[in-house]
Amino acid sequence: MVVHRTMAELEAGLGHIAGSPPEEGTLALIVRRPDIDEREMLETGVLHPDHGLVGDSWSRRRSGATVDGSPDPVRQLNVMNARAIALIAVDPERWALAGDQLYVDFDLSEDNAPPGTRIAIGEAVIEVSEPPHSGCRKFSARFGVDALRFVNSEVGRQMHLRGINARVVLPGTIRHGDIVRKVAMSVPPA
């Protein structure tokens, strides 16, 4: 039986999520999406500026965010806080249902990882993109209405509980358990 957390249970976990490492964390899960609603958990993956997570369907998906419908380069990767998905999904086997490719024990909040922040993961470097990553109908169906309200709440948006969009700026191999750390900002904050 699938258990969906209540809003009270989700809010009670905010302190644990807020305690995510701000400078150096770990890569908890790599998920490749070979096709819509398909998931492959990987021990090792390759990030590439043209392909995102190599073998993921991002590079073949049409996007409403681009003029020609091509994949949106600033939405190459979806990255979610591991503590947030652990709270929301209840069962670790359900993490991948969120649809993100990378799950990190790292502070992805707006204060710690605003757009332009560069984050090293293994040999690769990604850059946090401007467009927000928000919960949708699929997220609600998989994790419950309260989970959707939780990630889309004011605090949920500030902490990026639904995760962030990112693009690959330096290709490389990533492995489960790799160190995740901030390396720079591409543009100084205003």
N, C-alpha and C. Protein backbone atom coordinates (compact mmCIF):
# COMPACT_ATOMS: atom_id res chain seq x y z
N MET A 1 0.84 -1.18 0.00
CA MET A 1 0.00 0.00 0.00
C MET A 1 0.89 1.25 0.00
N VAL A 2 0.56 2.20 -0.84
CA VAL A 2 1.30 3.45 -0.95
C VAL A 2 0.85 4.40 0.15
N VAL A 3 1.81 4.95 0.88
CA VAL A 3 1.52 5.90 1.95
C VAL A 3 1.88 7.30 1.48
N HIS A 4 0.94 8.23 1.62
CA HIS A 4 1.20 9.63 1.32
C HIS A 4 1.27 10.39 2.64
N ARG A 5 2.30 11.17 2.81
CA ARG A 5 2.46 11.96 4.03
C ARG A 5 1.43 13.09 4.08
N THR A 6 1.04 13.43 5.31
CA THR A 6 0.14 14.57 5.51
C THR A 6 0.98 15.85 5.52
N MET A 7 0.33 16.99 5.39
CA MET A 7 1.04 18.26 5.44
C MET A 7 1.77 18.41 6.78
N ALA A 8 1.15 18.00 7.87
CA ALA A 8 1.79 18.10 9.19
C ALA A 8 3.06 17.26 9.24
N GLU A 9 3.01 16.06 8.68
CA GLU A 9 4.20 15.19 8.66
C GLU A 9 5.30 15.80 7.80
N LEU A 10 4.91 16.36 6.66
CA LEU A 10 5.89 16.97 5.77
C LEU A 10 6.54 18.20 6.43
N GLU A 11 5.72 19.05 7.02
CA GLU A 11 6.25 20.25 7.67
C GLU A 11 7.15 19.89 8.84
N ALA A 12 6.87 18.78 9.53
CA ALA A 12 7.70 18.34 10.65
C ALA A 12 9.11 17.95 10.18
N GLY A 13 9.26 17.62 8.91
CA GLY A 13 10.56 17.23 8.37
C GLY A 13 11.39 18.37 7.81
N LEU A 14 10.87 19.60 7.84
CA LEU A 14 11.58 20.74 7.25
C LEU A 14 12.95 20.98 7.89
N GLY A 15 13.05 20.80 9.19
CA GLY A 15 14.32 21.03 9.87
C GLY A 15 15.41 20.08 9.39
N HIS A 16 15.03 18.84 9.17
CA HIS A 16 16.01 17.86 8.67
C HIS A 16 16.48 18.23 7.26
N ILE A 17 15.56 18.64 6.41
CA ILE A 17 15.93 19.06 5.06
C ILE A 17 16.81 20.30 5.12
N ALA A 18 16.44 21.26 5.98
CA ALA A 18 17.21 22.51 6.10
C ALA A 18 18.64 22.24 6.59
N GLY A 19 18.88 21.10 7.21
CA GLY A 19 20.21 20.73 7.67
C GLY A 19 21.09 20.11 6.60
N SER A 20 20.62 20.12 5.35
CA SER A 20 21.43 19.56 4.25
C SER A 20 22.75 20.33 4.14
N PRO A 21 23.84 19.65 3.80
CA PRO A 21 25.14 20.32 3.71
C PRO A 21 25.15 21.44 2.68
N PRO A 22 25.61 22.65 3.06
CA PRO A 22 25.60 23.78 2.13
C PRO A 22 26.82 23.86 1.22
N GLU A 23 27.91 23.24 1.58
CA GLU A 23 29.14 23.36 0.78
C GLU A 23 29.56 22.06 0.13
N GLU A 24 29.44 20.95 0.85
CA GLU A 24 29.89 19.67 0.33
C GLU A 24 28.96 18.56 0.80
N GLY A 25 28.30 17.92 -0.15
CA GLY A 25 27.38 16.84 0.16
C GLY A 25 27.72 15.61 -0.66
N THR A 26 26.72 14.76 -0.92
CA THR A 26 26.95 13.54 -1.69
C THR A 26 25.84 13.30 -2.70
N LEU A 27 26.20 12.58 -3.75
CA LEU A 27 25.25 12.14 -4.77
C LEU A 27 24.60 10.85 -4.28
N ALA A 28 23.32 10.92 -3.98
CA ALA A 28 22.62 9.79 -3.38
C ALA A 28 22.00 8.83 -4.40
N LEU A 29 21.63 9.34 -5.59
CA LEU A 29 20.97 8.50 -6.58
C LEU A 29 21.10 9.12 -7.96
N ILE A 30 21.34 8.28 -8.96
CA ILE A 30 21.37 8.68 -10.37
C ILE A 30 20.25 7.90 -11.05
N VAL A 31 19.37 8.60 -11.75
CA VAL A 31 18.26 7.94 -12.44
C VAL A 31 18.24 8.39 -13.89
N ARG A 32 18.34 7.44 -14.80
CA ARG A 32 18.21 7.73 -16.23
C ARG A 32 16.78 7.40 -16.63
N ARG A 33 16.21 8.26 -17.47
CA ARG A 33 14.85 8.08 -17.98
C ARG A 33 14.95 7.77 -19.47
N PRO A 34 15.07 6.50 -19.84
CA PRO A 34 15.23 6.17 -21.27
C PRO A 34 14.02 6.53 -22.11
N ASP A 35 12.85 6.57 -21.49
CA ASP A 35 11.61 6.95 -22.18
C ASP A 35 10.65 7.49 -21.13
N ILE A 36 9.54 8.04 -21.56
CA ILE A 36 8.55 8.60 -20.64
C ILE A 36 8.09 7.50 -19.69
N ASP A 37 8.10 7.82 -18.39
CA ASP A 37 7.68 6.94 -17.30
C ASP A 37 8.55 5.69 -17.15
N GLU A 38 9.74 5.67 -17.74
CA GLU A 38 10.70 4.59 -17.52
C GLU A 38 11.85 5.13 -16.69
N ARG A 39 12.38 4.29 -15.78
CA ARG A 39 13.47 4.70 -14.91
C ARG A 39 14.52 3.59 -14.82
N GLU A 40 15.77 4.00 -14.85
CA GLU A 40 16.90 3.09 -14.63
C GLU A 40 17.80 3.71 -13.57
N MET A 41 17.97 3.02 -12.45
CA MET A 41 18.87 3.48 -11.42
C MET A 41 20.29 3.06 -11.81
N LEU A 42 21.21 4.03 -11.75
CA LEU A 42 22.57 3.80 -12.20
C LEU A 42 23.56 3.95 -11.05
N GLU A 43 24.62 3.19 -11.08
CA GLU A 43 25.74 3.38 -10.16
C GLU A 43 26.68 4.44 -10.73
N THR A 44 26.78 4.48 -12.08
CA THR A 44 27.67 5.42 -12.78
C THR A 44 26.91 6.02 -13.95
N GLY A 45 27.14 7.30 -14.20
CA GLY A 45 26.53 7.97 -15.35
C GLY A 45 27.53 8.94 -15.95
N VAL A 46 27.20 9.44 -17.13
CA VAL A 46 28.04 10.43 -17.79
C VAL A 46 27.18 11.66 -18.07
N LEU A 47 27.69 12.82 -17.66
CA LEU A 47 27.03 14.09 -17.96
C LEU A 47 27.76 14.76 -19.10
N HIS A 48 26.97 15.29 -20.06
CA HIS A 48 27.54 15.88 -21.27
C HIS A 48 26.77 17.15 -21.63
N PRO A 49 27.46 18.23 -22.02
CA PRO A 49 26.78 19.49 -22.34
C PRO A 49 25.73 19.41 -23.45
N ASP A 50 25.88 18.46 -24.36
CA ASP A 50 24.90 18.33 -25.46
C ASP A 50 23.79 17.33 -25.15
N HIS A 51 24.03 16.42 -24.23
CA HIS A 51 23.09 15.31 -24.00
C HIS A 51 22.52 15.25 -22.59
N GLY A 52 23.03 16.09 -21.68
CA GLY A 52 22.60 15.98 -20.28
C GLY A 52 23.16 14.71 -19.71
N LEU A 53 22.32 13.90 -19.07
CA LEU A 53 22.72 12.58 -18.61
C LEU A 53 22.65 11.66 -19.82
N VAL A 54 23.80 11.16 -20.26
CA VAL A 54 23.86 10.35 -21.47
C VAL A 54 22.92 9.15 -21.34
N GLY A 55 22.07 8.97 -22.36
CA GLY A 55 21.09 7.89 -22.39
C GLY A 55 19.73 8.29 -21.86
N ASP A 56 19.63 9.49 -21.26
CA ASP A 56 18.36 10.00 -20.76
C ASP A 56 17.54 10.53 -21.93
N SER A 57 16.23 10.52 -21.79
CA SER A 57 15.36 10.96 -22.89
C SER A 57 15.28 12.47 -23.06
N TRP A 58 15.90 13.25 -22.18
CA TRP A 58 15.83 14.72 -22.30
C TRP A 58 16.16 15.18 -23.71
N SER A 59 17.22 14.63 -24.30
CA SER A 59 17.69 15.10 -25.61
C SER A 59 16.72 14.76 -26.75
N ARG A 60 15.72 13.93 -26.47
CA ARG A 60 14.74 13.55 -27.50
C ARG A 60 13.36 14.14 -27.22
N ARG A 61 13.20 14.79 -26.09
CA ARG A 61 11.87 15.33 -25.72
C ARG A 61 11.65 16.71 -26.32
N ARG A 62 10.44 16.94 -26.77
CA ARG A 62 10.08 18.26 -27.29
C ARG A 62 9.77 19.17 -26.10
N SER A 63 10.01 20.45 -26.28
CA SER A 63 9.81 21.41 -25.20
C SER A 63 8.95 22.58 -25.68
N GLY A 64 8.02 22.97 -24.84
CA GLY A 64 7.22 24.16 -25.12
C GLY A 64 7.96 25.44 -24.76
N ALA A 65 9.14 25.30 -24.13
CA ALA A 65 9.91 26.47 -23.70
C ALA A 65 10.84 27.01 -24.79
N THR A 66 11.01 26.25 -25.86
CA THR A 66 11.88 26.71 -26.95
C THR A 66 11.04 27.02 -28.18
N VAL A 67 11.48 27.95 -28.99
CA VAL A 67 10.73 28.39 -30.17
C VAL A 67 10.50 27.24 -31.15
N ASP A 68 11.53 26.43 -31.36
CA ASP A 68 11.42 25.34 -32.34
C ASP A 68 10.99 24.01 -31.73
N GLY A 69 10.69 23.99 -30.42
CA GLY A 69 10.25 22.76 -29.77
C GLY A 69 11.38 21.81 -29.40
N SER A 70 12.62 22.24 -29.62
CA SER A 70 13.77 21.39 -29.28
C SER A 70 13.93 21.32 -27.76
N PRO A 71 14.69 20.33 -27.27
CA PRO A 71 14.89 20.24 -25.82
C PRO A 71 15.46 21.54 -25.25
N ASP A 72 14.96 21.93 -24.11
CA ASP A 72 15.38 23.19 -23.48
C ASP A 72 16.72 22.98 -22.78
N PRO A 73 17.78 23.63 -23.22
CA PRO A 73 19.11 23.39 -22.65
C PRO A 73 19.24 23.78 -21.18
N VAL A 74 18.40 24.69 -20.69
CA VAL A 74 18.51 25.06 -19.29
C VAL A 74 17.69 24.14 -18.38
N ARG A 75 17.00 23.18 -18.99
CA ARG A 75 16.26 22.17 -18.23
C ARG A 75 16.80 20.77 -18.54
N GLN A 76 18.09 20.70 -18.81
CA GLN A 76 18.76 19.45 -19.16
C GLN A 76 18.67 18.43 -18.04
N LEU A 77 18.88 18.92 -16.82
CA LEU A 77 18.88 18.05 -15.64
C LEU A 77 17.87 18.56 -14.63
N ASN A 78 17.25 17.63 -13.93
CA ASN A 78 16.43 17.94 -12.77
C ASN A 78 17.15 17.33 -11.58
N VAL A 79 17.40 18.16 -10.58
CA VAL A 79 18.16 17.74 -9.41
C VAL A 79 17.30 17.99 -8.18
N MET A 80 17.17 16.98 -7.32
CA MET A 80 16.32 17.09 -6.14
C MET A 80 17.12 16.77 -4.88
N ASN A 81 16.77 17.43 -3.80
CA ASN A 81 17.38 17.17 -2.50
C ASN A 81 16.96 15.78 -2.02
N ALA A 82 17.95 14.96 -1.64
CA ALA A 82 17.69 13.59 -1.20
C ALA A 82 16.86 13.54 0.08
N ARG A 83 17.08 14.49 0.97
CA ARG A 83 16.31 14.50 2.22
C ARG A 83 14.84 14.84 1.95
N ALA A 84 14.60 15.71 0.98
CA ALA A 84 13.23 16.07 0.63
C ALA A 84 12.50 14.87 0.02
N ILE A 85 13.13 14.19 -0.93
CA ILE A 85 12.44 13.05 -1.56
C ILE A 85 12.29 11.89 -0.57
N ALA A 86 13.24 11.72 0.34
CA ALA A 86 13.11 10.66 1.34
C ALA A 86 11.88 10.91 2.21
N LEU A 87 11.66 12.16 2.59
CA LEU A 87 10.49 12.51 3.40
C LEU A 87 9.21 12.32 2.60
N ILE A 88 9.19 12.81 1.37
CA ILE A 88 7.99 12.79 0.55
C ILE A 88 7.62 11.39 0.08
N ALA A 89 8.60 10.63 -0.40
CA ALA A 89 8.34 9.33 -1.01
C ALA A 89 8.09 8.22 0.01
N VAL A 90 8.53 8.39 1.24
CA VAL A 90 8.43 7.42 2.33
C VAL A 90 9.33 6.21 2.04
N ASP A 91 9.10 5.51 0.95
CA ASP A 91 9.84 4.31 0.58
C ASP A 91 10.96 4.67 -0.40
N PRO A 92 12.22 4.32 -0.10
CA PRO A 92 13.33 4.64 -1.01
C PRO A 92 13.14 4.10 -2.43
N GLU A 93 12.38 3.04 -2.58
CA GLU A 93 12.13 2.47 -3.90
C GLU A 93 11.27 3.40 -4.76
N ARG A 94 10.64 4.40 -4.15
CA ARG A 94 9.75 5.31 -4.88
C ARG A 94 10.42 6.63 -5.25
N TRP A 95 11.67 6.85 -4.84
CA TRP A 95 12.34 8.12 -5.14
C TRP A 95 12.30 8.45 -6.63
N ALA A 96 12.63 7.47 -7.45
CA ALA A 96 12.76 7.70 -8.90
C ALA A 96 11.46 8.16 -9.54
N LEU A 97 10.32 7.91 -8.89
CA LEU A 97 9.03 8.33 -9.43
C LEU A 97 8.92 9.85 -9.54
N ALA A 98 9.74 10.57 -8.79
CA ALA A 98 9.70 12.04 -8.87
C ALA A 98 10.09 12.52 -10.26
N GLY A 99 10.89 11.73 -10.98
CA GLY A 99 11.24 12.08 -12.36
C GLY A 99 12.53 12.85 -12.52
N ASP A 100 13.26 13.07 -11.42
CA ASP A 100 14.53 13.78 -11.51
C ASP A 100 15.64 12.79 -11.85
N GLN A 101 16.75 13.31 -12.39
CA GLN A 101 17.88 12.44 -12.72
C GLN A 101 18.88 12.32 -11.58
N LEU A 102 19.05 13.39 -10.81
CA LEU A 102 20.05 13.39 -9.75
C LEU A 102 19.40 13.75 -8.42
N TYR A 103 19.75 12.99 -7.39
CA TYR A 103 19.26 13.21 -6.03
C TYR A 103 20.49 13.41 -5.15
N VAL A 104 20.56 14.56 -4.49
CA VAL A 104 21.77 14.93 -3.77
C VAL A 104 21.47 15.28 -2.32
N ASP A 105 22.36 14.89 -1.42
CA ASP A 105 22.29 15.36 -0.05
C ASP A 105 23.10 16.64 -0.02
N PHE A 106 22.44 17.73 -0.39
CA PHE A 106 23.08 19.03 -0.58
C PHE A 106 22.00 20.10 -0.53
N ASP A 107 22.31 21.25 0.04
CA ASP A 107 21.36 22.34 0.16
C ASP A 107 21.13 23.01 -1.19
N LEU A 108 19.96 22.79 -1.77
CA LEU A 108 19.61 23.37 -3.07
C LEU A 108 18.76 24.62 -2.93
N SER A 109 18.65 25.16 -1.74
CA SER A 109 17.79 26.33 -1.51
C SER A 109 18.23 27.53 -2.34
N GLU A 110 17.30 28.46 -2.51
CA GLU A 110 17.57 29.69 -3.25
C GLU A 110 18.74 30.46 -2.63
N ASP A 111 18.84 30.46 -1.31
CA ASP A 111 19.93 31.17 -0.64
C ASP A 111 21.29 30.52 -0.90
N ASN A 112 21.32 29.20 -0.99
CA ASN A 112 22.60 28.49 -1.14
C ASN A 112 22.97 28.20 -2.59
N ALA A 113 21.98 27.98 -3.43
CA ALA A 113 22.26 27.59 -4.82
C ALA A 113 21.36 28.37 -5.78
N PRO A 114 21.52 29.70 -5.82
CA PRO A 114 20.70 30.49 -6.75
C PRO A 114 21.12 30.23 -8.19
N PRO A 115 20.31 30.64 -9.17
CA PRO A 115 20.70 30.47 -10.56
C PRO A 115 22.11 31.02 -10.80
N GLY A 116 22.88 30.27 -11.58
CA GLY A 116 24.26 30.65 -11.87
C GLY A 116 25.27 29.91 -11.01
N THR A 117 24.81 29.30 -9.91
CA THR A 117 25.71 28.54 -9.05
C THR A 117 26.21 27.32 -9.81
N ARG A 118 27.51 27.11 -9.75
CA ARG A 118 28.09 25.91 -10.36
C ARG A 118 28.40 24.89 -9.27
N ILE A 119 28.04 23.65 -9.57
CA ILE A 119 28.17 22.57 -8.61
C ILE A 119 28.94 21.43 -9.27
N ALA A 120 30.02 21.00 -8.63
CA ALA A 120 30.80 19.86 -9.12
C ALA A 120 30.20 18.58 -8.55
N ILE A 121 30.05 17.61 -9.43
CA ILE A 121 29.60 16.27 -9.03
C ILE A 121 30.54 15.30 -9.73
N GLY A 122 31.35 14.58 -8.97
CA GLY A 122 32.34 13.71 -9.59
C GLY A 122 33.23 14.53 -10.49
N GLU A 123 33.37 14.09 -11.74
CA GLU A 123 34.22 14.79 -12.72
C GLU A 123 33.50 15.93 -13.42
N ALA A 124 32.18 16.00 -13.28
CA ALA A 124 31.36 16.95 -14.04
C ALA A 124 31.05 18.21 -13.23
N VAL A 125 30.64 19.26 -13.95
CA VAL A 125 30.15 20.48 -13.31
C VAL A 125 28.82 20.85 -13.97
N ILE A 126 27.84 21.16 -13.13
CA ILE A 126 26.54 21.61 -13.62
C ILE A 126 26.33 23.04 -13.14
N GLU A 127 25.38 23.72 -13.80
CA GLU A 127 25.05 25.09 -13.40
C GLU A 127 23.55 25.18 -13.17
N VAL A 128 23.18 25.75 -12.02
CA VAL A 128 21.77 25.94 -11.68
C VAL A 128 21.15 26.93 -12.66
N SER A 129 20.00 26.56 -13.24
CA SER A 129 19.31 27.39 -14.23
C SER A 129 18.25 28.27 -13.57
N GLU A 130 17.83 29.28 -14.29
CA GLU A 130 16.84 30.24 -13.81
C GLU A 130 15.43 29.65 -13.68
N PRO A 131 14.92 28.91 -14.68
CA PRO A 131 13.52 28.47 -14.58
C PRO A 131 13.28 27.61 -13.33
N PRO A 132 12.21 27.89 -12.59
CA PRO A 132 11.92 27.07 -11.41
C PRO A 132 11.47 25.67 -11.80
N HIS A 133 11.69 24.74 -10.90
CA HIS A 133 11.21 23.36 -11.08
C HIS A 133 10.10 23.20 -10.06
N SER A 134 8.88 22.97 -10.53
CA SER A 134 7.74 22.90 -9.61
C SER A 134 6.99 21.60 -9.77
N GLY A 135 6.22 21.27 -8.74
CA GLY A 135 5.43 20.06 -8.76
C GLY A 135 4.27 20.17 -9.74
N CYS A 136 3.83 19.01 -10.23
CA CYS A 136 2.76 18.97 -11.24
C CYS A 136 1.75 17.88 -10.88
N ARG A 137 0.82 17.63 -11.80
CA ARG A 137 -0.21 16.60 -11.58
C ARG A 137 0.41 15.22 -11.35
N LYS A 138 1.46 14.88 -12.12
CA LYS A 138 2.11 13.58 -11.94
C LYS A 138 2.70 13.46 -10.54
N PHE A 139 3.33 14.53 -10.07
CA PHE A 139 3.93 14.53 -8.74
C PHE A 139 2.84 14.31 -7.68
N SER A 140 1.71 15.01 -7.83
CA SER A 140 0.59 14.87 -6.92
C SER A 140 0.02 13.45 -6.94
N ALA A 141 -0.13 12.88 -8.13
CA ALA A 141 -0.66 11.52 -8.25
C ALA A 141 0.25 10.50 -7.59
N ARG A 142 1.55 10.73 -7.66
CA ARG A 142 2.52 9.76 -7.12
C ARG A 142 2.75 9.93 -5.62
N PHE A 143 2.67 11.18 -5.12
CA PHE A 143 3.05 11.44 -3.73
C PHE A 143 1.97 12.09 -2.89
N GLY A 144 0.85 12.46 -3.51
CA GLY A 144 -0.27 13.03 -2.76
C GLY A 144 -0.41 14.53 -2.93
N VAL A 145 -1.62 15.01 -2.70
CA VAL A 145 -1.93 16.43 -2.84
C VAL A 145 -1.14 17.26 -1.83
N ASP A 146 -0.99 16.75 -0.61
CA ASP A 146 -0.25 17.51 0.40
C ASP A 146 1.22 17.65 -0.02
N ALA A 147 1.79 16.65 -0.64
CA ALA A 147 3.19 16.74 -1.11
C ALA A 147 3.31 17.83 -2.17
N LEU A 148 2.35 17.91 -3.07
CA LEU A 148 2.36 18.95 -4.10
C LEU A 148 2.25 20.33 -3.45
N ARG A 149 1.33 20.48 -2.53
CA ARG A 149 1.17 21.76 -1.82
C ARG A 149 2.44 22.11 -1.06
N PHE A 150 3.08 21.13 -0.45
CA PHE A 150 4.30 21.31 0.33
C PHE A 150 5.44 21.85 -0.54
N VAL A 151 5.70 21.21 -1.68
CA VAL A 151 6.83 21.64 -2.52
C VAL A 151 6.55 22.97 -3.21
N ASN A 152 5.27 23.28 -3.45
CA ASN A 152 4.91 24.53 -4.13
C ASN A 152 4.57 25.66 -3.17
N SER A 153 4.68 25.40 -1.85
CA SER A 153 4.42 26.45 -0.86
C SER A 153 5.53 27.50 -0.92
N GLU A 154 5.35 28.60 -0.22
CA GLU A 154 6.37 29.65 -0.22
C GLU A 154 7.71 29.11 0.28
N VAL A 155 7.70 28.41 1.40
CA VAL A 155 8.95 27.85 1.92
C VAL A 155 9.47 26.74 1.00
N GLY A 156 8.57 25.97 0.42
CA GLY A 156 8.97 24.91 -0.51
C GLY A 156 9.67 25.46 -1.73
N ARG A 157 9.17 26.58 -2.25
CA ARG A 157 9.81 27.22 -3.41
C ARG A 157 11.16 27.81 -3.03
N GLN A 158 11.24 28.43 -1.84
CA GLN A 158 12.50 29.04 -1.41
C GLN A 158 13.57 27.97 -1.17
N MET A 159 13.16 26.83 -0.63
CA MET A 159 14.11 25.74 -0.35
C MET A 159 14.32 24.84 -1.58
N HIS A 160 13.59 25.12 -2.65
CA HIS A 160 13.62 24.29 -3.87
C HIS A 160 13.36 22.82 -3.52
N LEU A 161 12.29 22.59 -2.77
CA LEU A 161 11.98 21.22 -2.34
C LEU A 161 11.60 20.33 -3.52
N ARG A 162 11.09 20.91 -4.59
CA ARG A 162 10.81 20.10 -5.78
C ARG A 162 12.07 19.93 -6.62
N GLY A 163 13.10 20.66 -6.27
CA GLY A 163 14.38 20.53 -6.96
C GLY A 163 14.69 21.75 -7.80
N ILE A 164 15.73 21.60 -8.60
CA ILE A 164 16.20 22.68 -9.48
C ILE A 164 16.37 22.15 -10.89
N ASN A 165 16.36 23.06 -11.84
CA ASN A 165 16.77 22.75 -13.20
C ASN A 165 18.24 23.12 -13.31
N ALA A 166 18.96 22.39 -14.14
CA ALA A 166 20.39 22.67 -14.32
C ALA A 166 20.81 22.24 -15.71
N ARG A 167 22.00 22.73 -16.09
CA ARG A 167 22.60 22.33 -17.36
C ARG A 167 24.03 21.90 -17.08
N VAL A 168 24.56 21.05 -17.95
CA VAL A 168 25.93 20.56 -17.81
C VAL A 168 26.86 21.59 -18.44
N VAL A 169 27.89 22.03 -17.70
CA VAL A 169 28.86 22.96 -18.24
C VAL A 169 30.24 22.32 -18.42
N LEU A 170 30.52 21.23 -17.70
CA LEU A 170 31.77 20.49 -17.86
C LEU A 170 31.42 19.01 -17.84
N PRO A 171 31.72 18.30 -18.94
CA PRO A 171 31.35 16.89 -19.01
C PRO A 171 32.19 16.05 -18.04
N GLY A 172 31.65 14.89 -17.71
CA GLY A 172 32.41 13.97 -16.88
C GLY A 172 31.57 12.84 -16.35
N THR A 173 32.24 11.89 -15.75
CA THR A 173 31.59 10.73 -15.15
C THR A 173 31.17 11.06 -13.73
N ILE A 174 30.00 10.59 -13.36
CA ILE A 174 29.50 10.73 -11.99
C ILE A 174 29.20 9.34 -11.46
N ARG A 175 29.38 9.18 -10.15
CA ARG A 175 29.15 7.88 -9.52
C ARG A 175 28.33 8.06 -8.24
N HIS A 176 27.49 7.09 -7.96
CA HIS A 176 26.74 7.07 -6.70
C HIS A 176 27.74 7.27 -5.56
N GLY A 177 27.45 8.20 -4.67
CA GLY A 177 28.33 8.48 -3.54
C GLY A 177 29.36 9.56 -3.78
N ASP A 178 29.45 10.09 -5.02
CA ASP A 178 30.40 11.16 -5.31
C ASP A 178 30.14 12.38 -4.44
N ILE A 179 31.21 13.14 -4.21
CA ILE A 179 31.10 14.42 -3.51
C ILE A 179 30.38 15.42 -4.42
N VAL A 180 29.49 16.21 -3.82
CA VAL A 180 28.76 17.30 -4.48
C VAL A 180 29.21 18.56 -3.77
N ARG A 181 29.77 19.53 -4.53
CA ARG A 181 30.25 20.75 -3.87
C ARG A 181 30.11 21.95 -4.78
N LYS A 182 29.90 23.10 -4.17
CA LYS A 182 29.83 24.34 -4.93
C LYS A 182 31.24 24.68 -5.39
N VAL A 183 31.34 25.16 -6.66
CA VAL A 183 32.65 25.55 -7.17
C VAL A 183 32.71 27.02 -7.56
N ALA A 184 31.61 27.61 -7.98
CA ALA A 184 31.65 29.01 -8.41
C ALA A 184 30.26 29.47 -8.81
N MET A 185 30.18 30.75 -9.10
CA MET A 185 28.99 31.34 -9.71
C MET A 185 29.41 31.74 -11.11
N SER A 186 28.56 31.49 -12.11
CA SER A 186 28.90 31.90 -13.47
C SER A 186 28.77 33.40 -13.63
N VAL A 187 27.84 33.98 -12.89
CA VAL A 187 27.62 35.43 -12.94
C VAL A 187 27.52 35.88 -11.49
N PRO A 188 28.27 36.92 -11.09
CA PRO A 188 28.17 37.39 -9.71
C PRO A 188 26.74 37.79 -9.38
N PRO A 189 26.30 37.52 -8.14
CA PRO A 189 24.93 37.90 -7.77
C PRO A 189 24.76 39.42 -7.83
N ALA A 190 23.55 39.86 -8.15
CA ALA A 190 23.26 41.32 -8.25
C ALA A 190 23.25 41.95 -6.87
